[in-house]
Amino acid sequence: MPDAASQSAYGLTSVAVQMALALLVLLGVIFVAFYLLRRFGPRLGLPMARKQGALAFEGQLSLGPRKSVVLVRFLNKVMVLGVTEQSINLLTEIDDDHDRETDFATALEKADPPGGPP
């Protein structure tokens, strides 16, 4: 017949196992909810936090090997940057009028209108 000390040890072990399983189930539910939110959240109109940042990449036009023109949105400005292997240069800034539907070519046209200085 087992004594009281061995019975309490077995009881403590079963409680620890139950607690560990409950914790794993809870963590599983949290991870599944996180996955579903990331997967279907934008479709339901729930914006993700990283898309709300102040700095956003808008587009890129490659000019050659390791040379490109890049549009970056920062707060209410759109910056046109020249990016090379050695440096990044600010070409111009455009005040953003909250028109999110402009494409890369339209933004470049707005930055350097025809007939402007070369």
N, C-alpha and C. Protein backbone atom coordinates (compact mmCIF):
# COMPACT_ATOMS: atom_id res chain seq x y z
N MET A 1 0.84 -1.17 0.00
CA MET A 1 0.00 0.00 0.00
C MET A 1 0.89 1.24 0.00
N PRO A 2 0.67 2.19 -0.93
CA PRO A 2 1.51 3.38 -0.99
C PRO A 2 1.27 4.29 0.20
N ASP A 3 2.32 4.94 0.61
CA ASP A 3 2.19 5.84 1.76
C ASP A 3 1.72 7.23 1.29
N ALA A 4 1.48 8.13 2.23
CA ALA A 4 0.92 9.46 1.93
C ALA A 4 1.88 10.32 1.11
N ALA A 5 3.17 10.19 1.33
CA ALA A 5 4.15 11.00 0.60
C ALA A 5 4.16 10.64 -0.88
N SER A 6 4.08 9.35 -1.22
CA SER A 6 4.10 8.97 -2.63
C SER A 6 2.78 9.36 -3.31
N GLN A 7 1.65 9.30 -2.59
CA GLN A 7 0.37 9.72 -3.16
C GLN A 7 0.38 11.20 -3.48
N SER A 8 0.94 12.03 -2.59
CA SER A 8 0.96 13.47 -2.86
C SER A 8 1.91 13.79 -4.01
N ALA A 9 2.98 13.02 -4.16
CA ALA A 9 3.91 13.23 -5.28
C ALA A 9 3.21 12.92 -6.61
N TYR A 10 2.45 11.82 -6.65
CA TYR A 10 1.71 11.49 -7.87
C TYR A 10 0.63 12.53 -8.14
N GLY A 11 -0.02 13.01 -7.12
CA GLY A 11 -1.06 14.04 -7.30
C GLY A 11 -0.47 15.34 -7.81
N LEU A 12 0.70 15.69 -7.31
CA LEU A 12 1.37 16.92 -7.75
C LEU A 12 1.83 16.78 -9.20
N THR A 13 2.29 15.62 -9.58
CA THR A 13 2.72 15.38 -10.95
C THR A 13 1.54 15.49 -11.91
N SER A 14 0.41 14.92 -11.56
CA SER A 14 -0.75 14.99 -12.46
C SER A 14 -1.26 16.43 -12.58
N VAL A 15 -1.21 17.18 -11.50
CA VAL A 15 -1.63 18.59 -11.57
C VAL A 15 -0.67 19.37 -12.46
N ALA A 16 0.64 19.11 -12.37
CA ALA A 16 1.62 19.80 -13.20
C ALA A 16 1.42 19.46 -14.67
N VAL A 17 1.13 18.19 -14.97
CA VAL A 17 0.89 17.78 -16.35
C VAL A 17 -0.38 18.45 -16.88
N GLN A 18 -1.44 18.50 -16.08
CA GLN A 18 -2.68 19.17 -16.49
C GLN A 18 -2.44 20.65 -16.75
N MET A 19 -1.65 21.29 -15.89
CA MET A 19 -1.36 22.71 -16.05
C MET A 19 -0.54 22.95 -17.33
N ALA A 20 0.42 22.09 -17.60
CA ALA A 20 1.24 22.22 -18.80
C ALA A 20 0.40 22.04 -20.06
N LEU A 21 -0.50 21.05 -20.05
CA LEU A 21 -1.38 20.84 -21.20
C LEU A 21 -2.32 22.02 -21.41
N ALA A 22 -2.86 22.56 -20.32
CA ALA A 22 -3.75 23.72 -20.44
C ALA A 22 -2.98 24.91 -21.01
N LEU A 23 -1.74 25.10 -20.58
CA LEU A 23 -0.92 26.18 -21.10
C LEU A 23 -0.63 26.00 -22.59
N LEU A 24 -0.33 24.78 -23.01
CA LEU A 24 -0.09 24.51 -24.43
C LEU A 24 -1.34 24.75 -25.27
N VAL A 25 -2.49 24.36 -24.76
CA VAL A 25 -3.74 24.61 -25.48
C VAL A 25 -3.99 26.11 -25.61
N LEU A 26 -3.77 26.84 -24.53
CA LEU A 26 -3.96 28.29 -24.56
C LEU A 26 -3.00 28.96 -25.54
N LEU A 27 -1.74 28.56 -25.53
CA LEU A 27 -0.78 29.11 -26.49
C LEU A 27 -1.16 28.75 -27.92
N GLY A 28 -1.66 27.56 -28.13
CA GLY A 28 -2.13 27.16 -29.46
C GLY A 28 -3.27 28.03 -29.95
N VAL A 29 -4.23 28.32 -29.07
CA VAL A 29 -5.35 29.18 -29.44
C VAL A 29 -4.85 30.59 -29.78
N ILE A 30 -3.90 31.11 -29.01
CA ILE A 30 -3.35 32.44 -29.27
C ILE A 30 -2.66 32.47 -30.63
N PHE A 31 -1.84 31.45 -30.93
CA PHE A 31 -1.14 31.42 -32.22
C PHE A 31 -2.10 31.27 -33.39
N VAL A 32 -3.14 30.47 -33.24
CA VAL A 32 -4.13 30.33 -34.31
C VAL A 32 -4.86 31.65 -34.53
N ALA A 33 -5.23 32.34 -33.45
CA ALA A 33 -5.90 33.64 -33.59
C ALA A 33 -4.98 34.65 -34.25
N PHE A 34 -3.71 34.66 -33.90
CA PHE A 34 -2.75 35.57 -34.51
C PHE A 34 -2.60 35.28 -36.00
N TYR A 35 -2.51 34.00 -36.37
CA TYR A 35 -2.40 33.62 -37.77
C TYR A 35 -3.63 34.07 -38.56
N LEU A 36 -4.82 33.82 -38.02
CA LEU A 36 -6.04 34.21 -38.71
C LEU A 36 -6.16 35.72 -38.85
N LEU A 37 -5.72 36.46 -37.84
CA LEU A 37 -5.75 37.91 -37.91
C LEU A 37 -4.81 38.44 -38.98
N ARG A 38 -3.61 37.86 -39.06
CA ARG A 38 -2.66 38.30 -40.09
C ARG A 38 -3.13 37.89 -41.47
N ARG A 39 -3.75 36.74 -41.58
CA ARG A 39 -4.15 36.22 -42.89
C ARG A 39 -5.40 36.92 -43.42
N PHE A 40 -6.40 37.11 -42.58
CA PHE A 40 -7.68 37.63 -43.04
C PHE A 40 -7.99 39.03 -42.52
N GLY A 41 -7.16 39.58 -41.66
CA GLY A 41 -7.41 40.91 -41.10
C GLY A 41 -7.49 42.01 -42.14
N PRO A 42 -6.51 42.11 -43.06
CA PRO A 42 -6.59 43.18 -44.07
C PRO A 42 -7.81 43.06 -44.97
N ARG A 43 -8.26 41.85 -45.23
CA ARG A 43 -9.46 41.68 -46.06
C ARG A 43 -10.72 42.16 -45.34
N LEU A 44 -10.69 42.09 -44.02
CA LEU A 44 -11.84 42.52 -43.23
C LEU A 44 -11.76 43.98 -42.82
N GLY A 45 -10.73 44.68 -43.31
CA GLY A 45 -10.59 46.09 -42.99
C GLY A 45 -9.84 46.36 -41.71
N LEU A 46 -9.14 45.37 -41.19
CA LEU A 46 -8.34 45.55 -39.98
C LEU A 46 -6.89 45.81 -40.39
N PRO A 47 -6.41 47.04 -40.31
CA PRO A 47 -5.04 47.31 -40.75
C PRO A 47 -4.04 46.71 -39.78
N MET A 48 -2.92 46.28 -40.31
CA MET A 48 -1.84 45.75 -39.48
C MET A 48 -0.99 46.92 -39.00
N ALA A 49 -0.39 46.77 -37.83
CA ALA A 49 0.35 47.86 -37.20
C ALA A 49 1.54 48.31 -38.03
N ARG A 50 2.23 47.40 -38.70
CA ARG A 50 3.43 47.81 -39.43
C ARG A 50 3.11 48.64 -40.66
N LYS A 51 1.89 48.56 -41.18
CA LYS A 51 1.51 49.38 -42.32
C LYS A 51 1.14 50.80 -41.91
N GLN A 52 1.00 51.04 -40.64
CA GLN A 52 0.64 52.35 -40.14
C GLN A 52 1.86 53.20 -39.83
N GLY A 53 3.05 52.72 -40.11
CA GLY A 53 4.28 53.42 -39.78
C GLY A 53 4.44 54.71 -40.57
N ALA A 54 5.36 55.54 -40.14
CA ALA A 54 5.58 56.82 -40.77
C ALA A 54 6.37 56.68 -42.07
N LEU A 55 7.15 55.63 -42.22
CA LEU A 55 8.00 55.44 -43.39
C LEU A 55 7.46 54.29 -44.22
N ALA A 56 7.22 54.56 -45.52
CA ALA A 56 6.66 53.51 -46.39
C ALA A 56 7.33 53.56 -47.75
N PHE A 57 7.66 52.41 -48.28
CA PHE A 57 8.24 52.26 -49.61
C PHE A 57 7.12 52.32 -50.63
N GLU A 58 7.24 53.21 -51.62
CA GLU A 58 6.18 53.38 -52.61
C GLU A 58 6.49 52.69 -53.94
N GLY A 59 7.73 52.77 -54.40
CA GLY A 59 8.07 52.15 -55.68
C GLY A 59 9.52 52.35 -56.03
N GLN A 60 9.94 51.68 -57.10
CA GLN A 60 11.34 51.72 -57.50
C GLN A 60 11.43 51.59 -59.01
N LEU A 61 12.37 52.33 -59.60
CA LEU A 61 12.64 52.25 -61.03
C LEU A 61 14.13 52.00 -61.19
N SER A 62 14.47 50.86 -61.76
CA SER A 62 15.87 50.50 -61.93
C SER A 62 16.44 51.23 -63.14
N LEU A 63 17.62 51.84 -62.97
CA LEU A 63 18.27 52.58 -64.04
C LEU A 63 19.47 51.84 -64.60
N GLY A 64 19.90 50.83 -63.94
CA GLY A 64 21.06 50.06 -64.36
C GLY A 64 21.47 49.15 -63.23
N PRO A 65 22.64 48.51 -63.39
CA PRO A 65 23.10 47.65 -62.31
C PRO A 65 23.38 48.45 -61.04
N ARG A 66 22.67 48.14 -59.99
CA ARG A 66 22.83 48.77 -58.68
C ARG A 66 22.60 50.28 -58.68
N LYS A 67 21.75 50.74 -59.58
CA LYS A 67 21.36 52.15 -59.63
C LYS A 67 19.85 52.22 -59.83
N SER A 68 19.18 53.03 -59.01
CA SER A 68 17.73 53.12 -59.14
C SER A 68 17.22 54.43 -58.56
N VAL A 69 15.99 54.73 -58.91
CA VAL A 69 15.25 55.86 -58.34
C VAL A 69 14.15 55.23 -57.49
N VAL A 70 14.02 55.72 -56.26
CA VAL A 70 13.09 55.12 -55.30
C VAL A 70 12.16 56.20 -54.76
N LEU A 71 10.89 55.85 -54.60
CA LEU A 71 9.93 56.73 -53.94
C LEU A 71 9.68 56.21 -52.53
N VAL A 72 9.84 57.11 -51.54
CA VAL A 72 9.63 56.76 -50.14
C VAL A 72 8.68 57.79 -49.55
N ARG A 73 7.64 57.32 -48.86
CA ARG A 73 6.70 58.22 -48.19
C ARG A 73 7.09 58.32 -46.73
N PHE A 74 7.26 59.57 -46.27
CA PHE A 74 7.56 59.82 -44.86
C PHE A 74 6.61 60.90 -44.37
N LEU A 75 5.71 60.52 -43.45
CA LEU A 75 4.67 61.40 -42.93
C LEU A 75 3.88 61.99 -44.08
N ASN A 76 3.92 63.29 -44.32
CA ASN A 76 3.13 63.88 -45.40
C ASN A 76 3.99 64.28 -46.59
N LYS A 77 5.15 63.67 -46.74
CA LYS A 77 6.05 63.96 -47.86
C LYS A 77 6.35 62.68 -48.62
N VAL A 78 6.50 62.83 -49.93
CA VAL A 78 7.00 61.75 -50.76
C VAL A 78 8.37 62.19 -51.23
N MET A 79 9.39 61.39 -50.92
CA MET A 79 10.76 61.74 -51.29
C MET A 79 11.20 60.87 -52.46
N VAL A 80 11.81 61.51 -53.46
CA VAL A 80 12.38 60.81 -54.59
C VAL A 80 13.87 60.70 -54.31
N LEU A 81 14.37 59.46 -54.19
CA LEU A 81 15.76 59.22 -53.82
C LEU A 81 16.49 58.55 -54.97
N GLY A 82 17.73 59.00 -55.21
CA GLY A 82 18.61 58.32 -56.13
C GLY A 82 19.49 57.38 -55.32
N VAL A 83 19.45 56.10 -55.63
CA VAL A 83 20.18 55.10 -54.87
C VAL A 83 21.22 54.45 -55.76
N THR A 84 22.48 54.51 -55.32
CA THR A 84 23.57 53.84 -56.03
C THR A 84 24.27 52.91 -55.05
N GLU A 85 25.31 52.28 -55.53
CA GLU A 85 26.07 51.36 -54.69
C GLU A 85 26.76 52.10 -53.54
N GLN A 86 27.18 53.35 -53.78
CA GLN A 86 27.94 54.09 -52.78
C GLN A 86 27.09 55.05 -51.96
N SER A 87 25.97 55.53 -52.48
CA SER A 87 25.26 56.59 -51.76
C SER A 87 23.77 56.57 -52.04
N ILE A 88 23.07 57.35 -51.20
CA ILE A 88 21.64 57.62 -51.38
C ILE A 88 21.48 59.13 -51.37
N ASN A 89 20.91 59.70 -52.44
CA ASN A 89 20.76 61.15 -52.56
C ASN A 89 19.29 61.53 -52.69
N LEU A 90 18.93 62.60 -52.01
CA LEU A 90 17.57 63.13 -52.12
C LEU A 90 17.48 63.93 -53.42
N LEU A 91 16.63 63.50 -54.34
CA LEU A 91 16.48 64.21 -55.60
C LEU A 91 15.46 65.33 -55.48
N THR A 92 14.32 65.03 -54.88
CA THR A 92 13.29 66.05 -54.66
C THR A 92 12.30 65.54 -53.63
N GLU A 93 11.49 66.46 -53.11
CA GLU A 93 10.40 66.12 -52.19
C GLU A 93 9.09 66.58 -52.80
N ILE A 94 8.05 65.82 -52.55
CA ILE A 94 6.72 66.15 -53.05
C ILE A 94 5.79 66.19 -51.85
N ASP A 95 5.01 67.28 -51.70
CA ASP A 95 4.01 67.33 -50.64
C ASP A 95 2.89 66.36 -51.01
N ASP A 96 2.53 65.52 -50.06
CA ASP A 96 1.51 64.52 -50.29
C ASP A 96 0.13 65.13 -50.08
N ASP A 97 -0.71 65.00 -51.11
CA ASP A 97 -2.08 65.50 -50.99
C ASP A 97 -3.04 64.35 -50.66
N HIS A 98 -2.50 63.30 -50.05
CA HIS A 98 -3.26 62.12 -49.62
C HIS A 98 -3.91 61.38 -50.78
N ASP A 99 -3.31 61.49 -51.97
CA ASP A 99 -3.79 60.73 -53.12
C ASP A 99 -2.99 59.43 -53.18
N ARG A 100 -3.53 58.36 -52.63
CA ARG A 100 -2.83 57.09 -52.54
C ARG A 100 -2.91 56.30 -53.84
N GLU A 101 -3.64 56.77 -54.82
CA GLU A 101 -3.83 56.01 -56.05
C GLU A 101 -2.81 56.35 -57.14
N THR A 102 -1.89 57.26 -56.89
CA THR A 102 -0.91 57.60 -57.92
C THR A 102 0.10 56.49 -58.06
N ASP A 103 0.51 56.24 -59.29
CA ASP A 103 1.51 55.21 -59.52
C ASP A 103 2.89 55.86 -59.60
N PHE A 104 3.90 55.07 -59.80
CA PHE A 104 5.28 55.54 -59.76
C PHE A 104 5.55 56.56 -60.87
N ALA A 105 5.10 56.29 -62.08
CA ALA A 105 5.35 57.19 -63.20
C ALA A 105 4.68 58.55 -62.98
N THR A 106 3.47 58.55 -62.45
CA THR A 106 2.77 59.80 -62.18
C THR A 106 3.48 60.63 -61.13
N ALA A 107 3.98 59.98 -60.10
CA ALA A 107 4.70 60.69 -59.05
C ALA A 107 6.01 61.26 -59.58
N LEU A 108 6.70 60.53 -60.45
CA LEU A 108 7.93 61.06 -61.05
C LEU A 108 7.62 62.25 -61.96
N GLU A 109 6.52 62.17 -62.70
CA GLU A 109 6.12 63.28 -63.56
C GLU A 109 5.81 64.53 -62.74
N LYS A 110 5.15 64.32 -61.61
CA LYS A 110 4.81 65.43 -60.72
C LYS A 110 6.08 66.04 -60.12
N ALA A 111 7.09 65.20 -59.85
CA ALA A 111 8.33 65.68 -59.27
C ALA A 111 9.16 66.47 -60.27
N ASP A 112 9.15 66.08 -61.54
CA ASP A 112 9.94 66.75 -62.56
C ASP A 112 9.05 67.03 -63.77
N PRO A 113 8.29 68.15 -63.73
CA PRO A 113 7.38 68.44 -64.83
C PRO A 113 8.15 68.76 -66.11
N PRO A 114 7.57 68.46 -67.29
CA PRO A 114 8.25 68.77 -68.55
C PRO A 114 8.47 70.27 -68.67
N GLY A 115 9.60 70.65 -69.26
CA GLY A 115 9.91 72.06 -69.41
C GLY A 115 10.57 72.66 -68.18
N GLY A 116 10.78 71.85 -67.16
CA GLY A 116 11.43 72.33 -65.95
C GLY A 116 12.94 72.35 -66.13
N PRO A 117 13.67 72.79 -65.11
CA PRO A 117 15.13 72.80 -65.23
C PRO A 117 15.70 71.38 -65.36
N PRO A 118 16.77 71.22 -66.14
CA PRO A 118 17.31 69.88 -66.36
C PRO A 118 17.98 69.31 -65.14
